[in-house]
Amino acid sequence: MQRSIKQTVGRLGVAVIAAVGSAVAVPSAAQAASYNGVCGSGYNVIDSIELAGGTAFLTYNSSTGKNCAVTVRNIPGGPVYVIANIRVAVEGSPWQKDGDYYSTYAGPVYVYAPGQCIDWVSAIDEDLAEKLDSHCS
């Protein structure tokens, strides 16, 4: 039985669809969304993933040792399923998650990970992307 991405993400909180250190390429006619600053002061964007309908941002604050993930929509309209998930890249480490039907963005979600690699997952509607062990601070 094949499940939709929404069912998989909703049930597991994450779906693996990309190889370690790579992102899913998504063709998009829309321009990238801008980082909206919701992680707070001192957070700088260290990576982003273009998604159909927006952009996922990974940020880091060197003074706190925290990473933050946020997924920002760039297409106006009613709520769609949007997620931002993050964790320390250690097997069994818990995911910090935000996923629901949003009009603007999901997140921010944080993980304390100075000197460690992190995993992060973002989605807008059914456009899922994942990066694994791609950032170490």
N, C-alpha and C. Protein backbone atom coordinates (compact mmCIF):
# COMPACT_ATOMS: atom_id res chain seq x y z
N MET A 1 0.84 -1.17 0.00
CA MET A 1 0.00 0.00 0.00
C MET A 1 0.89 1.23 0.00
N GLN A 2 0.67 2.12 -0.94
CA GLN A 2 1.48 3.33 -1.04
C GLN A 2 0.83 4.45 -0.24
N ARG A 3 1.64 5.15 0.56
CA ARG A 3 1.15 6.25 1.36
C ARG A 3 1.56 7.56 0.72
N SER A 4 0.78 8.58 0.95
CA SER A 4 1.16 9.91 0.48
C SER A 4 2.25 10.45 1.40
N ILE A 5 2.95 11.47 0.92
CA ILE A 5 3.99 12.10 1.73
C ILE A 5 3.39 12.67 3.00
N LYS A 6 2.21 13.29 2.91
CA LYS A 6 1.58 13.86 4.11
C LYS A 6 1.34 12.78 5.16
N GLN A 7 0.87 11.59 4.72
CA GLN A 7 0.62 10.52 5.68
C GLN A 7 1.93 10.07 6.31
N THR A 8 2.99 9.92 5.50
CA THR A 8 4.27 9.48 6.02
C THR A 8 4.85 10.49 6.99
N VAL A 9 4.86 11.77 6.60
CA VAL A 9 5.39 12.80 7.48
C VAL A 9 4.56 12.89 8.75
N GLY A 10 3.25 12.85 8.62
CA GLY A 10 2.38 12.94 9.78
C GLY A 10 2.58 11.78 10.74
N ARG A 11 2.79 10.60 10.21
CA ARG A 11 2.93 9.43 11.06
C ARG A 11 4.32 9.35 11.69
N LEU A 12 5.37 9.61 10.91
CA LEU A 12 6.72 9.45 11.39
C LEU A 12 7.39 10.76 11.80
N GLY A 13 6.86 11.87 11.32
CA GLY A 13 7.48 13.15 11.61
C GLY A 13 8.61 13.47 10.65
N VAL A 14 9.00 12.50 9.83
CA VAL A 14 10.09 12.69 8.87
C VAL A 14 10.01 11.59 7.82
N ALA A 15 10.40 11.90 6.62
CA ALA A 15 10.48 10.91 5.56
C ALA A 15 11.82 11.07 4.88
N VAL A 16 12.54 9.97 4.69
CA VAL A 16 13.85 10.03 4.05
C VAL A 16 13.67 9.85 2.56
N ILE A 17 14.07 10.88 1.80
CA ILE A 17 13.96 10.76 0.35
C ILE A 17 15.19 11.26 -0.38
N ALA A 18 16.23 11.67 0.35
CA ALA A 18 17.43 12.18 -0.29
C ALA A 18 18.65 11.52 0.32
N ALA A 19 19.72 11.47 -0.44
CA ALA A 19 20.96 10.89 0.04
C ALA A 19 21.64 11.82 1.03
N VAL A 20 22.55 11.28 1.80
CA VAL A 20 23.28 12.08 2.79
C VAL A 20 23.98 13.24 2.09
N GLY A 21 23.76 14.43 2.65
CA GLY A 21 24.44 15.61 2.16
C GLY A 21 23.92 16.17 0.87
N SER A 22 22.77 15.72 0.40
CA SER A 22 22.22 16.26 -0.84
C SER A 22 20.80 16.72 -0.60
N ALA A 23 20.32 17.55 -1.50
CA ALA A 23 18.96 18.06 -1.38
C ALA A 23 18.16 17.63 -2.59
N VAL A 24 16.87 17.58 -2.43
CA VAL A 24 15.99 17.27 -3.53
C VAL A 24 15.86 18.52 -4.38
N ALA A 25 16.16 18.41 -5.65
CA ALA A 25 16.03 19.56 -6.54
C ALA A 25 14.57 19.70 -6.95
N VAL A 26 14.06 20.89 -6.82
CA VAL A 26 12.67 21.14 -7.13
C VAL A 26 12.59 22.27 -8.14
N PRO A 27 12.12 22.00 -9.35
CA PRO A 27 11.97 23.10 -10.29
C PRO A 27 10.87 24.03 -9.82
N SER A 28 11.13 25.33 -9.91
CA SER A 28 10.16 26.28 -9.43
C SER A 28 10.19 27.54 -10.26
N ALA A 29 9.02 27.96 -10.69
CA ALA A 29 8.92 29.21 -11.44
C ALA A 29 8.88 30.39 -10.48
N ALA A 30 8.51 30.14 -9.24
CA ALA A 30 8.40 31.21 -8.26
C ALA A 30 9.77 31.57 -7.70
N GLN A 31 9.91 32.79 -7.26
CA GLN A 31 11.16 33.22 -6.63
C GLN A 31 11.23 32.67 -5.22
N ALA A 32 12.45 32.57 -4.73
CA ALA A 32 12.66 32.06 -3.38
C ALA A 32 12.03 32.99 -2.35
N ALA A 33 11.56 32.39 -1.27
CA ALA A 33 11.07 33.19 -0.15
C ALA A 33 12.26 33.77 0.59
N SER A 34 12.07 34.87 1.26
CA SER A 34 13.12 35.49 2.06
C SER A 34 13.04 34.96 3.49
N TYR A 35 14.21 34.83 4.12
CA TYR A 35 14.24 34.45 5.53
C TYR A 35 13.52 35.53 6.32
N ASN A 36 12.61 35.13 7.19
CA ASN A 36 11.76 36.08 7.89
C ASN A 36 12.25 36.47 9.29
N GLY A 37 13.40 35.97 9.71
CA GLY A 37 13.98 36.38 10.98
C GLY A 37 13.32 35.81 12.23
N VAL A 38 12.41 34.85 12.10
CA VAL A 38 11.66 34.37 13.27
C VAL A 38 12.49 33.57 14.25
N CYS A 39 13.70 33.15 13.88
CA CYS A 39 14.54 32.42 14.84
C CYS A 39 15.04 33.35 15.94
N GLY A 40 15.11 34.64 15.65
CA GLY A 40 15.52 35.60 16.66
C GLY A 40 16.82 36.28 16.28
N SER A 41 17.25 37.17 17.14
CA SER A 41 18.46 37.94 16.86
C SER A 41 19.69 37.05 17.03
N GLY A 42 20.68 37.28 16.19
CA GLY A 42 21.93 36.52 16.25
C GLY A 42 21.95 35.27 15.40
N TYR A 43 20.83 34.93 14.77
CA TYR A 43 20.78 33.75 13.91
C TYR A 43 21.09 34.15 12.47
N ASN A 44 22.06 33.43 11.88
CA ASN A 44 22.45 33.68 10.50
C ASN A 44 22.11 32.46 9.65
N VAL A 45 21.62 32.69 8.44
CA VAL A 45 21.29 31.60 7.52
C VAL A 45 22.57 30.91 7.10
N ILE A 46 22.63 29.58 7.29
CA ILE A 46 23.79 28.80 6.87
C ILE A 46 23.47 27.87 5.71
N ASP A 47 22.17 27.67 5.43
CA ASP A 47 21.78 26.87 4.28
C ASP A 47 20.31 27.13 3.99
N SER A 48 19.91 26.80 2.77
CA SER A 48 18.50 26.92 2.39
C SER A 48 18.19 25.90 1.31
N ILE A 49 16.93 25.55 1.21
CA ILE A 49 16.46 24.63 0.19
C ILE A 49 15.25 25.26 -0.48
N GLU A 50 15.29 25.35 -1.80
CA GLU A 50 14.14 25.84 -2.56
C GLU A 50 13.08 24.74 -2.59
N LEU A 51 11.87 25.11 -2.26
CA LEU A 51 10.73 24.20 -2.32
C LEU A 51 9.69 24.82 -3.23
N ALA A 52 8.86 24.00 -3.84
CA ALA A 52 7.74 24.54 -4.60
C ALA A 52 6.85 25.26 -3.60
N GLY A 53 6.73 26.56 -3.72
CA GLY A 53 5.90 27.32 -2.80
C GLY A 53 6.64 28.02 -1.70
N GLY A 54 7.97 27.96 -1.67
CA GLY A 54 8.71 28.66 -0.63
C GLY A 54 10.14 28.19 -0.49
N THR A 55 10.70 28.44 0.68
CA THR A 55 12.10 28.11 0.95
C THR A 55 12.24 27.66 2.40
N ALA A 56 13.08 26.64 2.60
CA ALA A 56 13.43 26.19 3.94
C ALA A 56 14.77 26.81 4.31
N PHE A 57 14.88 27.30 5.54
CA PHE A 57 16.10 27.94 6.01
C PHE A 57 16.65 27.24 7.23
N LEU A 58 17.97 27.04 7.25
CA LEU A 58 18.68 26.53 8.40
C LEU A 58 19.56 27.67 8.89
N THR A 59 19.44 28.00 10.18
CA THR A 59 20.21 29.11 10.73
C THR A 59 21.03 28.63 11.93
N TYR A 60 22.00 29.44 12.33
CA TYR A 60 22.84 29.11 13.48
C TYR A 60 23.17 30.38 14.25
N ASN A 61 23.19 30.26 15.57
CA ASN A 61 23.58 31.36 16.45
C ASN A 61 24.83 30.92 17.20
N SER A 62 25.98 31.50 16.85
CA SER A 62 27.25 31.07 17.44
C SER A 62 27.36 31.42 18.92
N SER A 63 26.64 32.41 19.39
CA SER A 63 26.73 32.75 20.82
C SER A 63 25.90 31.82 21.70
N THR A 64 24.87 31.19 21.15
CA THR A 64 24.05 30.26 21.94
C THR A 64 24.34 28.79 21.61
N GLY A 65 24.96 28.53 20.45
CA GLY A 65 25.23 27.15 20.04
C GLY A 65 24.00 26.45 19.50
N LYS A 66 22.96 27.22 19.17
CA LYS A 66 21.71 26.62 18.68
C LYS A 66 21.55 26.80 17.17
N ASN A 67 21.03 25.74 16.55
CA ASN A 67 20.56 25.80 15.17
C ASN A 67 19.06 25.99 15.20
N CYS A 68 18.53 26.59 14.15
CA CYS A 68 17.09 26.83 14.04
C CYS A 68 16.67 26.53 12.60
N ALA A 69 15.51 25.92 12.45
CA ALA A 69 14.95 25.66 11.13
C ALA A 69 13.59 26.33 11.02
N VAL A 70 13.32 26.89 9.84
CA VAL A 70 12.04 27.51 9.54
C VAL A 70 11.75 27.29 8.06
N THR A 71 10.50 27.05 7.74
CA THR A 71 10.07 26.87 6.35
C THR A 71 9.08 27.98 6.03
N VAL A 72 9.43 28.81 5.03
CA VAL A 72 8.66 30.02 4.72
C VAL A 72 7.97 29.87 3.36
N ARG A 73 6.67 30.10 3.35
CA ARG A 73 5.90 30.08 2.09
C ARG A 73 6.07 31.40 1.36
N ASN A 74 6.04 31.34 0.02
CA ASN A 74 6.10 32.57 -0.77
C ASN A 74 4.90 32.71 -1.70
N ILE A 75 3.96 31.81 -1.59
CA ILE A 75 2.75 31.88 -2.40
C ILE A 75 1.58 32.17 -1.47
N PRO A 76 0.91 33.30 -1.67
CA PRO A 76 -0.22 33.61 -0.79
C PRO A 76 -1.37 32.63 -0.99
N GLY A 77 -2.17 32.52 0.02
CA GLY A 77 -3.33 31.65 -0.08
C GLY A 77 -3.66 31.04 1.25
N GLY A 78 -4.60 30.15 1.21
CA GLY A 78 -5.04 29.48 2.42
C GLY A 78 -4.00 28.53 2.95
N PRO A 79 -4.23 27.99 4.13
CA PRO A 79 -3.27 27.10 4.77
C PRO A 79 -3.02 25.82 3.96
N VAL A 80 -1.75 25.40 3.93
CA VAL A 80 -1.33 24.11 3.39
C VAL A 80 -0.42 23.47 4.44
N TYR A 81 -0.16 22.18 4.29
CA TYR A 81 0.68 21.49 5.26
C TYR A 81 2.13 21.94 5.10
N VAL A 82 2.71 22.49 6.18
CA VAL A 82 4.08 23.00 6.18
C VAL A 82 4.79 22.43 7.40
N ILE A 83 6.04 21.94 7.20
CA ILE A 83 6.80 21.43 8.34
C ILE A 83 8.20 22.02 8.38
N ALA A 84 8.75 22.06 9.59
CA ALA A 84 10.15 22.37 9.85
C ALA A 84 10.56 21.46 11.01
N ASN A 85 11.52 20.57 10.77
CA ASN A 85 11.98 19.62 11.79
C ASN A 85 13.50 19.70 11.88
N ILE A 86 14.05 19.49 13.07
CA ILE A 86 15.50 19.54 13.27
C ILE A 86 15.87 18.62 14.42
N ARG A 87 17.09 18.04 14.35
CA ARG A 87 17.60 17.23 15.45
C ARG A 87 19.12 17.14 15.37
N VAL A 88 19.74 16.75 16.50
CA VAL A 88 21.17 16.42 16.49
C VAL A 88 21.30 15.13 15.69
N ALA A 89 22.31 15.06 14.83
CA ALA A 89 22.47 13.91 13.92
C ALA A 89 23.09 12.71 14.64
N VAL A 90 22.36 12.21 15.61
CA VAL A 90 22.77 11.02 16.35
C VAL A 90 21.58 10.07 16.32
N GLU A 91 21.83 8.82 15.95
CA GLU A 91 20.75 7.84 15.89
C GLU A 91 19.94 7.84 17.18
N GLY A 92 18.64 7.96 17.06
CA GLY A 92 17.75 7.97 18.21
C GLY A 92 17.53 9.34 18.83
N SER A 93 18.22 10.35 18.33
CA SER A 93 18.03 11.70 18.85
C SER A 93 16.62 12.18 18.50
N PRO A 94 15.94 12.84 19.43
CA PRO A 94 14.56 13.26 19.16
C PRO A 94 14.49 14.44 18.19
N TRP A 95 13.45 14.43 17.37
CA TRP A 95 13.19 15.53 16.45
C TRP A 95 12.44 16.64 17.20
N GLN A 96 12.85 17.88 16.95
CA GLN A 96 12.09 19.05 17.37
C GLN A 96 11.25 19.41 16.16
N LYS A 97 9.92 19.39 16.28
CA LYS A 97 9.05 19.46 15.11
C LYS A 97 8.00 20.56 15.20
N ASP A 98 7.72 21.11 14.05
CA ASP A 98 6.54 21.95 13.89
C ASP A 98 5.95 21.60 12.53
N GLY A 99 4.75 21.11 12.52
CA GLY A 99 4.08 20.77 11.28
C GLY A 99 2.58 20.88 11.46
N ASP A 100 1.97 21.67 10.58
CA ASP A 100 0.53 21.87 10.63
C ASP A 100 0.12 22.59 9.36
N TYR A 101 -1.12 22.97 9.29
CA TYR A 101 -1.61 23.73 8.14
C TYR A 101 -1.40 25.22 8.42
N TYR A 102 -0.47 25.83 7.67
CA TYR A 102 -0.10 27.23 7.87
C TYR A 102 -0.21 28.02 6.56
N SER A 103 -0.46 29.30 6.68
CA SER A 103 -0.50 30.20 5.52
C SER A 103 0.84 30.85 5.25
N THR A 104 1.70 30.97 6.27
CA THR A 104 2.94 31.73 6.11
C THR A 104 4.21 30.92 6.35
N TYR A 105 4.36 30.27 7.51
CA TYR A 105 5.59 29.53 7.78
C TYR A 105 5.39 28.51 8.90
N ALA A 106 6.31 27.53 8.94
CA ALA A 106 6.40 26.57 10.05
C ALA A 106 7.72 26.82 10.76
N GLY A 107 7.73 26.60 12.06
CA GLY A 107 8.90 26.87 12.86
C GLY A 107 8.67 28.17 13.61
N PRO A 108 9.65 28.64 14.28
CA PRO A 108 11.00 28.09 14.33
C PRO A 108 11.10 26.89 15.28
N VAL A 109 12.01 25.98 14.95
CA VAL A 109 12.34 24.87 15.84
C VAL A 109 13.85 24.90 16.06
N TYR A 110 14.26 24.57 17.27
CA TYR A 110 15.65 24.74 17.69
C TYR A 110 16.27 23.45 18.20
N VAL A 111 17.59 23.35 18.05
CA VAL A 111 18.34 22.28 18.67
C VAL A 111 19.70 22.85 19.09
N TYR A 112 20.10 22.49 20.31
CA TYR A 112 21.41 22.89 20.82
C TYR A 112 22.42 21.87 20.28
N ALA A 113 23.37 22.34 19.45
CA ALA A 113 24.28 21.40 18.80
C ALA A 113 25.64 22.00 18.50
N PRO A 114 26.28 22.68 19.47
CA PRO A 114 27.60 23.23 19.16
C PRO A 114 28.60 22.11 18.89
N GLY A 115 29.32 22.23 17.77
CA GLY A 115 30.31 21.23 17.42
C GLY A 115 29.74 19.90 16.97
N GLN A 116 28.44 19.84 16.70
CA GLN A 116 27.80 18.60 16.27
C GLN A 116 27.11 18.79 14.92
N CYS A 117 26.91 17.70 14.24
CA CYS A 117 26.15 17.74 12.99
C CYS A 117 24.67 17.69 13.31
N ILE A 118 23.88 18.26 12.42
CA ILE A 118 22.43 18.26 12.62
C ILE A 118 21.74 17.74 11.37
N ASP A 119 20.54 17.18 11.57
CA ASP A 119 19.64 16.77 10.49
C ASP A 119 18.50 17.77 10.47
N TRP A 120 17.97 18.07 9.27
CA TRP A 120 16.81 18.95 9.19
C TRP A 120 15.94 18.54 8.02
N VAL A 121 14.64 18.75 8.20
CA VAL A 121 13.64 18.35 7.22
C VAL A 121 12.64 19.49 7.08
N SER A 122 12.25 19.77 5.84
CA SER A 122 11.26 20.82 5.60
C SER A 122 10.32 20.38 4.50
N ALA A 123 9.09 20.89 4.54
CA ALA A 123 8.12 20.57 3.49
C ALA A 123 7.09 21.67 3.38
N ILE A 124 6.61 21.86 2.17
CA ILE A 124 5.45 22.71 1.91
C ILE A 124 4.52 21.88 1.08
N ASP A 125 3.35 21.62 1.62
CA ASP A 125 2.35 20.76 1.00
C ASP A 125 2.99 19.40 0.75
N GLU A 126 3.11 18.96 -0.49
CA GLU A 126 3.69 17.64 -0.72
C GLU A 126 5.11 17.71 -1.25
N ASP A 127 5.76 18.86 -1.16
CA ASP A 127 7.14 19.02 -1.64
C ASP A 127 8.07 18.85 -0.45
N LEU A 128 8.63 17.65 -0.31
CA LEU A 128 9.45 17.32 0.85
C LEU A 128 10.92 17.36 0.46
N ALA A 129 11.75 17.91 1.33
CA ALA A 129 13.21 17.93 1.11
C ALA A 129 13.89 17.54 2.41
N GLU A 130 15.05 16.98 2.30
CA GLU A 130 15.77 16.60 3.50
C GLU A 130 17.27 16.74 3.27
N LYS A 131 17.96 17.16 4.29
CA LYS A 131 19.42 17.16 4.32
C LYS A 131 19.85 16.40 5.57
N LEU A 132 20.80 15.53 5.42
CA LEU A 132 21.30 14.76 6.55
C LEU A 132 22.78 15.07 6.78
N ASP A 133 23.17 15.26 8.02
CA ASP A 133 24.57 15.45 8.41
C ASP A 133 25.28 16.46 7.53
N SER A 134 24.56 17.44 7.06
CA SER A 134 25.17 18.39 6.13
C SER A 134 25.80 19.58 6.81
N HIS A 135 25.51 19.77 8.08
CA HIS A 135 26.10 20.92 8.78
C HIS A 135 26.63 20.53 10.14
N CYS A 136 27.85 20.93 10.39
CA CYS A 136 28.47 20.76 11.70
C CYS A 136 28.92 22.13 12.16
N SER A 137 28.58 22.49 13.38
CA SER A 137 28.96 23.82 13.87
C SER A 137 30.02 23.72 14.94
